[in-house]
Amino acid sequence: MSTTTSILIGVALVAGGVLWYLFRPDALVLNKTVNEPFPGAGQSSLAESQGMGMELHSGTFHSNAHETKGVATIYQLAEGRRVLRLTEFSTSNGPDVRVYIVAATDVQEEDAAKRAGIVDLGALRGNIGDQNYDVPAELDLNKYRAVSIWCRRFSVNFGAAPLASLHR
């Protein structure tokens, strides 16, 4: 094998590794299921029935770039902390998928989310299942009115849930 061939093979392997890292094709076909309990309790229904959390805002996900289903609810917990809980949730998996709260009433298209203010609540823990995300105490929920599941690497809105106030 010539030196040129060895160099080309080395470059191809490095390029293949970089492309794999950037596009994470395995994340498109592998599901990650999580089932986190309601904060401070073993089960969501038990916690809610015992008054451990008051529902403040809630909404149902609609699909944008990828099929996305489930319910997003923001709770005020007894100790004062606020939590976004995704229930009956499912979406596509992907690289660098984040949970955003967006300063808009809904996020149908990527441009709307980019123009509005966003707060990143962290990496999506799983593309299937119930999960919790802390909501900053200072966040104005009258302004931030939608939850978006966002692929940061490709700037794509997988799906969103417009939030309605449950206490007017």
N, C-alpha and C. Protein backbone atom coordinates (compact mmCIF):
# COMPACT_ATOMS: atom_id res chain seq x y z
N MET A 1 0.85 -1.16 0.00
CA MET A 1 0.00 0.00 0.00
C MET A 1 0.90 1.23 0.00
N SER A 2 0.55 2.18 -0.87
CA SER A 2 1.37 3.38 -0.98
C SER A 2 1.06 4.36 0.16
N THR A 3 1.95 5.30 0.34
CA THR A 3 1.77 6.33 1.36
C THR A 3 0.53 7.16 1.08
N THR A 4 0.29 7.49 -0.18
CA THR A 4 -0.88 8.27 -0.57
C THR A 4 -2.17 7.53 -0.21
N THR A 5 -2.21 6.23 -0.47
CA THR A 5 -3.38 5.42 -0.14
C THR A 5 -3.59 5.39 1.37
N SER A 6 -2.54 5.24 2.12
CA SER A 6 -2.63 5.23 3.59
C SER A 6 -3.17 6.56 4.11
N ILE A 7 -2.69 7.64 3.54
CA ILE A 7 -3.16 8.97 3.96
C ILE A 7 -4.64 9.14 3.63
N LEU A 8 -5.04 8.72 2.43
CA LEU A 8 -6.44 8.82 2.03
C LEU A 8 -7.34 7.99 2.94
N ILE A 9 -6.91 6.79 3.29
CA ILE A 9 -7.69 5.95 4.20
C ILE A 9 -7.79 6.60 5.58
N GLY A 10 -6.69 7.16 6.06
CA GLY A 10 -6.70 7.85 7.35
C GLY A 10 -7.64 9.05 7.35
N VAL A 11 -7.59 9.85 6.28
CA VAL A 11 -8.47 11.01 6.15
C VAL A 11 -9.93 10.57 6.09
N ALA A 12 -10.20 9.50 5.35
CA ALA A 12 -11.57 8.99 5.24
C ALA A 12 -12.09 8.51 6.59
N LEU A 13 -11.25 7.85 7.38
CA LEU A 13 -11.67 7.38 8.70
C LEU A 13 -11.96 8.55 9.64
N VAL A 14 -11.09 9.54 9.62
CA VAL A 14 -11.30 10.73 10.46
C VAL A 14 -12.57 11.45 10.02
N ALA A 15 -12.74 11.66 8.71
CA ALA A 15 -13.93 12.34 8.20
C ALA A 15 -15.19 11.55 8.56
N GLY A 16 -15.13 10.24 8.43
CA GLY A 16 -16.27 9.40 8.80
C GLY A 16 -16.61 9.54 10.28
N GLY A 17 -15.60 9.58 11.12
CA GLY A 17 -15.82 9.76 12.56
C GLY A 17 -16.44 11.11 12.87
N VAL A 18 -15.96 12.16 12.22
CA VAL A 18 -16.51 13.50 12.44
C VAL A 18 -17.97 13.56 11.97
N LEU A 19 -18.24 13.00 10.80
CA LEU A 19 -19.62 12.99 10.30
C LEU A 19 -20.54 12.19 11.22
N TRP A 20 -20.05 11.06 11.72
CA TRP A 20 -20.85 10.26 12.67
C TRP A 20 -21.16 11.09 13.90
N TYR A 21 -20.18 11.79 14.44
CA TYR A 21 -20.37 12.62 15.63
C TYR A 21 -21.37 13.74 15.36
N LEU A 22 -21.24 14.41 14.22
CA LEU A 22 -22.10 15.55 13.92
C LEU A 22 -23.54 15.14 13.66
N PHE A 23 -23.75 14.06 12.93
CA PHE A 23 -25.09 13.69 12.51
C PHE A 23 -25.74 12.62 13.38
N ARG A 24 -24.95 11.90 14.15
CA ARG A 24 -25.45 10.86 15.05
C ARG A 24 -26.59 10.04 14.44
N PRO A 25 -26.34 9.33 13.34
CA PRO A 25 -27.42 8.57 12.71
C PRO A 25 -28.01 7.51 13.63
N ASP A 26 -27.22 7.03 14.60
CA ASP A 26 -27.75 6.05 15.55
C ASP A 26 -28.87 6.65 16.39
N ALA A 27 -28.80 7.96 16.68
CA ALA A 27 -29.81 8.61 17.50
C ALA A 27 -31.15 8.71 16.78
N LEU A 28 -31.14 8.60 15.47
CA LEU A 28 -32.38 8.68 14.71
C LEU A 28 -33.18 7.39 14.79
N VAL A 29 -32.53 6.29 15.08
CA VAL A 29 -33.24 5.00 15.08
C VAL A 29 -33.32 4.35 16.46
N LEU A 30 -32.52 4.83 17.41
CA LEU A 30 -32.55 4.26 18.76
C LEU A 30 -33.41 5.13 19.66
N ASN A 31 -34.35 4.52 20.35
CA ASN A 31 -35.20 5.24 21.29
C ASN A 31 -34.60 5.17 22.68
N LYS A 32 -34.79 6.24 23.45
CA LYS A 32 -34.39 6.26 24.84
C LYS A 32 -35.63 6.57 25.66
N THR A 33 -36.06 5.61 26.47
CA THR A 33 -37.26 5.75 27.29
C THR A 33 -36.87 6.10 28.71
N VAL A 34 -37.53 7.11 29.27
CA VAL A 34 -37.36 7.48 30.68
C VAL A 34 -38.74 7.54 31.32
N ASN A 35 -38.80 7.26 32.60
CA ASN A 35 -40.05 7.36 33.35
C ASN A 35 -39.75 7.91 34.72
N GLU A 36 -39.55 9.23 34.78
CA GLU A 36 -39.24 9.88 36.05
C GLU A 36 -40.53 10.06 36.85
N PRO A 37 -40.47 9.83 38.15
CA PRO A 37 -41.65 10.08 38.98
C PRO A 37 -41.88 11.58 39.13
N PHE A 38 -43.08 11.94 39.52
CA PHE A 38 -43.39 13.32 39.84
C PHE A 38 -42.44 13.76 40.95
N PRO A 39 -41.88 14.97 40.88
CA PRO A 39 -40.91 15.40 41.90
C PRO A 39 -41.48 15.29 43.32
N GLY A 40 -40.73 14.63 44.17
CA GLY A 40 -41.13 14.50 45.58
C GLY A 40 -42.08 13.36 45.85
N ALA A 41 -42.38 12.55 44.85
CA ALA A 41 -43.30 11.42 45.06
C ALA A 41 -42.94 10.29 44.11
N GLY A 42 -43.48 9.14 44.39
CA GLY A 42 -43.20 7.97 43.57
C GLY A 42 -43.98 7.93 42.29
N GLN A 43 -45.17 8.54 42.29
CA GLN A 43 -46.01 8.49 41.10
C GLN A 43 -46.69 9.83 40.89
N SER A 44 -46.85 10.21 39.64
CA SER A 44 -47.47 11.49 39.32
C SER A 44 -48.87 11.60 39.90
N SER A 45 -49.72 10.62 39.69
CA SER A 45 -51.11 10.73 40.14
C SER A 45 -51.18 10.80 41.66
N LEU A 46 -50.31 10.10 42.36
CA LEU A 46 -50.29 10.15 43.81
C LEU A 46 -49.90 11.55 44.27
N ALA A 47 -48.89 12.12 43.68
CA ALA A 47 -48.43 13.46 44.07
C ALA A 47 -49.51 14.49 43.82
N GLU A 48 -50.13 14.43 42.65
CA GLU A 48 -51.16 15.41 42.32
C GLU A 48 -52.36 15.26 43.24
N SER A 49 -52.78 14.04 43.53
CA SER A 49 -53.96 13.83 44.37
C SER A 49 -53.71 14.27 45.81
N GLN A 50 -52.47 14.28 46.26
CA GLN A 50 -52.15 14.69 47.61
C GLN A 50 -51.81 16.18 47.68
N GLY A 51 -51.99 16.90 46.57
CA GLY A 51 -51.77 18.34 46.57
C GLY A 51 -50.31 18.73 46.66
N MET A 52 -49.40 17.88 46.21
CA MET A 52 -47.97 18.20 46.30
C MET A 52 -47.54 19.16 45.20
N GLY A 53 -48.39 19.37 44.22
CA GLY A 53 -48.06 20.28 43.15
C GLY A 53 -49.32 20.87 42.56
N MET A 54 -49.28 22.19 42.30
CA MET A 54 -50.42 22.85 41.68
C MET A 54 -50.10 23.10 40.22
N GLU A 55 -51.00 22.69 39.34
CA GLU A 55 -50.81 22.91 37.91
C GLU A 55 -51.00 24.39 37.62
N LEU A 56 -50.01 25.00 36.96
CA LEU A 56 -50.09 26.41 36.60
C LEU A 56 -50.46 26.60 35.13
N HIS A 57 -49.76 25.87 34.25
CA HIS A 57 -49.96 25.99 32.80
C HIS A 57 -49.85 24.59 32.20
N SER A 58 -50.60 24.37 31.13
CA SER A 58 -50.54 23.06 30.48
C SER A 58 -50.87 23.20 29.00
N GLY A 59 -50.34 22.28 28.20
CA GLY A 59 -50.62 22.27 26.78
C GLY A 59 -50.26 20.94 26.15
N THR A 60 -50.82 20.68 25.00
CA THR A 60 -50.60 19.44 24.26
C THR A 60 -49.63 19.69 23.12
N PHE A 61 -48.68 18.80 22.94
CA PHE A 61 -47.69 18.94 21.86
C PHE A 61 -48.33 18.73 20.51
N HIS A 62 -47.87 19.50 19.54
CA HIS A 62 -48.16 19.26 18.12
C HIS A 62 -46.83 19.04 17.42
N SER A 63 -46.88 18.34 16.32
CA SER A 63 -45.66 18.03 15.57
C SER A 63 -45.26 19.20 14.69
N ASN A 64 -43.96 19.38 14.56
CA ASN A 64 -43.41 20.32 13.60
C ASN A 64 -42.54 19.52 12.64
N ALA A 65 -41.23 19.49 12.83
CA ALA A 65 -40.34 18.77 11.92
C ALA A 65 -40.42 17.25 12.13
N HIS A 66 -40.77 16.82 13.34
CA HIS A 66 -40.88 15.39 13.66
C HIS A 66 -42.15 15.15 14.46
N GLU A 67 -42.71 13.97 14.32
CA GLU A 67 -43.92 13.66 15.09
C GLU A 67 -43.61 13.76 16.58
N THR A 68 -44.39 14.56 17.28
CA THR A 68 -44.21 14.80 18.70
C THR A 68 -45.58 14.77 19.36
N LYS A 69 -45.68 14.02 20.46
CA LYS A 69 -46.95 13.85 21.17
C LYS A 69 -46.72 13.98 22.66
N GLY A 70 -47.80 14.28 23.37
CA GLY A 70 -47.74 14.31 24.82
C GLY A 70 -48.27 15.62 25.38
N VAL A 71 -48.10 15.76 26.70
CA VAL A 71 -48.60 16.93 27.42
C VAL A 71 -47.45 17.57 28.19
N ALA A 72 -47.39 18.89 28.15
CA ALA A 72 -46.42 19.66 28.93
C ALA A 72 -47.19 20.42 29.99
N THR A 73 -46.80 20.25 31.25
CA THR A 73 -47.48 20.93 32.36
C THR A 73 -46.43 21.55 33.28
N ILE A 74 -46.65 22.80 33.64
CA ILE A 74 -45.79 23.46 34.62
C ILE A 74 -46.50 23.42 35.97
N TYR A 75 -45.80 22.89 36.97
CA TYR A 75 -46.32 22.76 38.33
C TYR A 75 -45.59 23.70 39.26
N GLN A 76 -46.31 24.21 40.25
CA GLN A 76 -45.71 24.91 41.39
C GLN A 76 -45.71 23.90 42.52
N LEU A 77 -44.53 23.50 42.99
CA LEU A 77 -44.43 22.51 44.04
C LEU A 77 -44.61 23.15 45.41
N ALA A 78 -44.91 22.34 46.39
CA ALA A 78 -45.18 22.82 47.74
C ALA A 78 -44.04 23.68 48.29
N GLU A 79 -42.79 23.32 47.98
CA GLU A 79 -41.65 24.08 48.50
C GLU A 79 -41.34 25.33 47.68
N GLY A 80 -42.17 25.62 46.65
CA GLY A 80 -42.00 26.83 45.86
C GLY A 80 -41.33 26.65 44.51
N ARG A 81 -40.68 25.54 44.32
CA ARG A 81 -39.98 25.27 43.05
C ARG A 81 -41.01 25.01 41.95
N ARG A 82 -40.67 25.42 40.71
CA ARG A 82 -41.53 25.15 39.56
C ARG A 82 -40.87 24.10 38.67
N VAL A 83 -41.70 23.22 38.14
CA VAL A 83 -41.21 22.11 37.34
C VAL A 83 -42.07 21.96 36.09
N LEU A 84 -41.39 21.79 34.95
CA LEU A 84 -42.07 21.40 33.72
C LEU A 84 -42.08 19.89 33.67
N ARG A 85 -43.26 19.29 33.53
CA ARG A 85 -43.37 17.83 33.45
C ARG A 85 -43.94 17.46 32.09
N LEU A 86 -43.23 16.60 31.38
CA LEU A 86 -43.71 16.04 30.12
C LEU A 86 -44.30 14.68 30.43
N THR A 87 -45.56 14.45 30.03
CA THR A 87 -46.22 13.17 30.26
C THR A 87 -46.76 12.62 28.95
N GLU A 88 -46.83 11.29 28.90
CA GLU A 88 -47.28 10.58 27.69
C GLU A 88 -46.51 11.11 26.48
N PHE A 89 -45.24 11.41 26.70
CA PHE A 89 -44.41 12.12 25.73
C PHE A 89 -43.71 11.16 24.79
N SER A 90 -43.66 11.54 23.51
CA SER A 90 -42.83 10.82 22.54
C SER A 90 -42.50 11.76 21.38
N THR A 91 -41.29 11.62 20.89
CA THR A 91 -40.82 12.36 19.72
C THR A 91 -39.71 11.54 19.08
N SER A 92 -39.14 12.04 18.02
CA SER A 92 -37.99 11.38 17.41
C SER A 92 -36.76 11.65 18.26
N ASN A 93 -35.80 10.77 18.18
CA ASN A 93 -34.52 11.00 18.83
C ASN A 93 -33.65 11.77 17.86
N GLY A 94 -32.59 12.32 18.35
CA GLY A 94 -31.67 13.05 17.49
C GLY A 94 -30.50 13.56 18.29
N PRO A 95 -29.55 14.20 17.62
CA PRO A 95 -28.38 14.74 18.32
C PRO A 95 -28.69 16.09 18.95
N ASP A 96 -28.28 16.27 20.18
CA ASP A 96 -28.37 17.56 20.88
C ASP A 96 -29.78 18.12 20.90
N VAL A 97 -30.74 17.29 21.31
CA VAL A 97 -32.13 17.73 21.42
C VAL A 97 -32.33 18.36 22.80
N ARG A 98 -32.93 19.55 22.82
CA ARG A 98 -33.09 20.35 24.03
C ARG A 98 -34.56 20.62 24.31
N VAL A 99 -34.85 20.99 25.55
CA VAL A 99 -36.18 21.43 25.95
C VAL A 99 -36.10 22.94 26.18
N TYR A 100 -36.87 23.69 25.40
CA TYR A 100 -36.89 25.14 25.49
C TYR A 100 -38.27 25.61 25.96
N ILE A 101 -38.28 26.69 26.74
CA ILE A 101 -39.50 27.45 26.94
C ILE A 101 -39.31 28.72 26.12
N VAL A 102 -40.34 29.05 25.31
CA VAL A 102 -40.23 30.10 24.32
C VAL A 102 -41.18 31.24 24.66
N ALA A 103 -40.71 32.48 24.47
CA ALA A 103 -41.52 33.67 24.70
C ALA A 103 -42.42 33.92 23.51
N ALA A 104 -43.37 33.01 23.33
CA ALA A 104 -44.35 33.11 22.25
C ALA A 104 -45.55 32.26 22.67
N THR A 105 -46.69 32.49 22.04
CA THR A 105 -47.87 31.69 22.39
C THR A 105 -47.84 30.31 21.75
N ASP A 106 -47.09 30.16 20.68
CA ASP A 106 -46.91 28.87 20.03
C ASP A 106 -45.67 28.97 19.15
N VAL A 107 -45.14 27.83 18.79
CA VAL A 107 -43.96 27.79 17.93
C VAL A 107 -44.25 26.80 16.81
N GLN A 108 -44.78 27.31 15.71
CA GLN A 108 -45.08 26.46 14.56
C GLN A 108 -43.85 26.29 13.68
N GLU A 109 -43.05 27.34 13.55
CA GLU A 109 -41.92 27.30 12.65
C GLU A 109 -40.64 27.72 13.37
N GLU A 110 -39.52 27.30 12.83
CA GLU A 110 -38.23 27.57 13.46
C GLU A 110 -37.95 29.07 13.60
N ASP A 111 -38.32 29.86 12.58
CA ASP A 111 -38.03 31.29 12.62
C ASP A 111 -38.72 31.97 13.79
N ALA A 112 -39.93 31.54 14.12
CA ALA A 112 -40.66 32.15 15.24
C ALA A 112 -39.91 31.92 16.55
N ALA A 113 -39.39 30.74 16.74
CA ALA A 113 -38.64 30.45 17.97
C ALA A 113 -37.33 31.22 18.01
N LYS A 114 -36.69 31.37 16.87
CA LYS A 114 -35.42 32.09 16.83
C LYS A 114 -35.60 33.57 17.15
N ARG A 115 -36.73 34.15 16.71
CA ARG A 115 -36.99 35.57 16.98
C ARG A 115 -37.44 35.80 18.42
N ALA A 116 -38.16 34.86 18.97
CA ALA A 116 -38.65 34.99 20.35
C ALA A 116 -37.52 34.67 21.32
N GLY A 117 -37.69 35.06 22.54
CA GLY A 117 -36.72 34.69 23.56
C GLY A 117 -36.91 33.23 23.94
N ILE A 118 -35.82 32.58 24.28
CA ILE A 118 -35.91 31.18 24.71
C ILE A 118 -35.13 31.01 26.01
N VAL A 119 -35.58 30.03 26.78
CA VAL A 119 -34.86 29.60 27.97
C VAL A 119 -34.63 28.10 27.79
N ASP A 120 -33.38 27.69 27.83
CA ASP A 120 -32.99 26.30 27.65
C ASP A 120 -33.09 25.60 29.01
N LEU A 121 -33.99 24.62 29.10
CA LEU A 121 -34.16 23.87 30.35
C LEU A 121 -33.27 22.65 30.42
N GLY A 122 -32.53 22.37 29.36
CA GLY A 122 -31.59 21.26 29.38
C GLY A 122 -31.82 20.26 28.27
N ALA A 123 -30.95 19.27 28.25
CA ALA A 123 -31.03 18.21 27.24
C ALA A 123 -32.25 17.35 27.48
N LEU A 124 -32.90 16.94 26.40
CA LEU A 124 -34.01 16.01 26.49
C LEU A 124 -33.48 14.70 27.06
N ARG A 125 -34.07 14.23 28.15
CA ARG A 125 -33.56 13.04 28.84
C ARG A 125 -33.88 11.76 28.10
N GLY A 126 -34.96 11.75 27.38
CA GLY A 126 -35.35 10.60 26.59
C GLY A 126 -36.39 11.03 25.59
N ASN A 127 -36.45 10.36 24.46
CA ASN A 127 -37.43 10.77 23.46
C ASN A 127 -38.79 10.12 23.70
N ILE A 128 -38.88 9.27 24.72
CA ILE A 128 -40.14 8.63 25.10
C ILE A 128 -40.23 8.63 26.62
N GLY A 129 -41.40 8.99 27.14
CA GLY A 129 -41.65 8.83 28.56
C GLY A 129 -41.83 10.11 29.34
N ASP A 130 -42.21 9.95 30.61
CA ASP A 130 -42.47 11.06 31.52
C ASP A 130 -41.15 11.58 32.08
N GLN A 131 -41.02 12.91 32.13
CA GLN A 131 -39.76 13.51 32.59
C GLN A 131 -40.00 14.91 33.12
N ASN A 132 -39.07 15.37 33.97
CA ASN A 132 -39.20 16.64 34.68
C ASN A 132 -38.02 17.56 34.38
N TYR A 133 -38.30 18.87 34.31
CA TYR A 133 -37.28 19.88 34.07
C TYR A 133 -37.56 21.07 34.99
N ASP A 134 -36.55 21.53 35.70
CA ASP A 134 -36.72 22.70 36.56
C ASP A 134 -36.96 23.95 35.73
N VAL A 135 -37.89 24.77 36.19
CA VAL A 135 -38.20 26.04 35.55
C VAL A 135 -37.66 27.15 36.45
N PRO A 136 -36.84 28.05 35.92
CA PRO A 136 -36.28 29.12 36.76
C PRO A 136 -37.38 29.91 37.48
N ALA A 137 -37.15 30.22 38.74
CA ALA A 137 -38.14 30.92 39.57
C ALA A 137 -38.47 32.29 39.01
N GLU A 138 -37.50 32.96 38.40
CA GLU A 138 -37.71 34.32 37.91
C GLU A 138 -38.36 34.38 36.54
N LEU A 139 -38.59 33.24 35.91
CA LEU A 139 -39.15 33.22 34.56
C LEU A 139 -40.61 33.67 34.57
N ASP A 140 -40.94 34.65 33.74
CA ASP A 140 -42.30 35.18 33.63
C ASP A 140 -43.14 34.26 32.75
N LEU A 141 -44.02 33.50 33.37
CA LEU A 141 -44.83 32.54 32.62
C LEU A 141 -45.95 33.21 31.84
N ASN A 142 -46.17 34.50 32.03
CA ASN A 142 -47.11 35.23 31.18
C ASN A 142 -46.47 35.57 29.84
N LYS A 143 -45.15 35.58 29.81
CA LYS A 143 -44.41 35.86 28.58
C LYS A 143 -43.97 34.56 27.89
N TYR A 144 -43.44 33.63 28.65
CA TYR A 144 -42.95 32.36 28.10
C TYR A 144 -44.10 31.37 28.11
N ARG A 145 -44.74 31.19 26.93
CA ARG A 145 -46.01 30.49 26.86
C ARG A 145 -46.00 29.25 25.98
N ALA A 146 -44.83 28.77 25.61
CA ALA A 146 -44.77 27.55 24.78
C ALA A 146 -43.52 26.75 25.15
N VAL A 147 -43.64 25.45 25.01
CA VAL A 147 -42.51 24.54 25.20
C VAL A 147 -42.15 24.00 23.83
N SER A 148 -40.87 23.98 23.53
CA SER A 148 -40.40 23.48 22.24
C SER A 148 -39.36 22.39 22.47
N ILE A 149 -39.45 21.34 21.69
CA ILE A 149 -38.43 20.29 21.66
C ILE A 149 -37.57 20.62 20.45
N TRP A 150 -36.32 20.99 20.71
CA TRP A 150 -35.48 21.64 19.70
C TRP A 150 -34.18 20.89 19.50
N CYS A 151 -33.86 20.59 18.26
CA CYS A 151 -32.56 20.01 17.91
C CYS A 151 -31.61 21.18 17.68
N ARG A 152 -30.75 21.42 18.65
CA ARG A 152 -29.85 22.57 18.59
C ARG A 152 -28.82 22.42 17.47
N ARG A 153 -28.36 21.20 17.23
CA ARG A 153 -27.33 20.99 16.22
C ARG A 153 -27.80 21.42 14.84
N PHE A 154 -29.07 21.14 14.50
CA PHE A 154 -29.57 21.47 13.17
C PHE A 154 -30.59 22.61 13.18
N SER A 155 -30.81 23.23 14.36
CA SER A 155 -31.74 24.34 14.50
C SER A 155 -33.12 23.97 13.95
N VAL A 156 -33.65 22.84 14.48
CA VAL A 156 -34.93 22.33 14.02
C VAL A 156 -35.86 22.14 15.22
N ASN A 157 -37.07 22.63 15.06
CA ASN A 157 -38.12 22.49 16.07
C ASN A 157 -38.85 21.17 15.83
N PHE A 158 -38.62 20.17 16.68
CA PHE A 158 -39.27 18.87 16.50
C PHE A 158 -40.78 18.99 16.73
N GLY A 159 -41.18 19.69 17.78
CA GLY A 159 -42.59 19.86 18.12
C GLY A 159 -42.71 20.86 19.25
N ALA A 160 -43.93 21.34 19.46
CA ALA A 160 -44.14 22.36 20.49
C ALA A 160 -45.48 22.16 21.17
N ALA A 161 -45.57 22.71 22.38
CA ALA A 161 -46.81 22.70 23.15
C ALA A 161 -47.13 24.12 23.59
N PRO A 162 -48.16 24.74 23.02
CA PRO A 162 -48.59 26.04 23.53
C PRO A 162 -49.20 25.84 24.91
N LEU A 163 -48.83 26.70 25.86
CA LEU A 163 -49.27 26.54 27.25
C LEU A 163 -50.42 27.49 27.55
N ALA A 164 -51.45 26.96 28.17
CA ALA A 164 -52.58 27.77 28.63
C ALA A 164 -52.55 27.82 30.14
N SER A 165 -52.87 29.01 30.67
CA SER A 165 -52.92 29.17 32.12
C SER A 165 -54.12 28.41 32.66
N LEU A 166 -53.93 27.70 33.76
CA LEU A 166 -55.00 26.94 34.37
C LEU A 166 -55.67 27.71 35.50
N HIS A 167 -55.13 28.90 35.82
CA HIS A 167 -55.67 29.73 36.90
C HIS A 167 -55.75 31.16 36.41
N ARG A 168 -56.91 31.58 36.02
CA ARG A 168 -57.07 32.95 35.49
C ARG A 168 -57.76 33.83 36.46
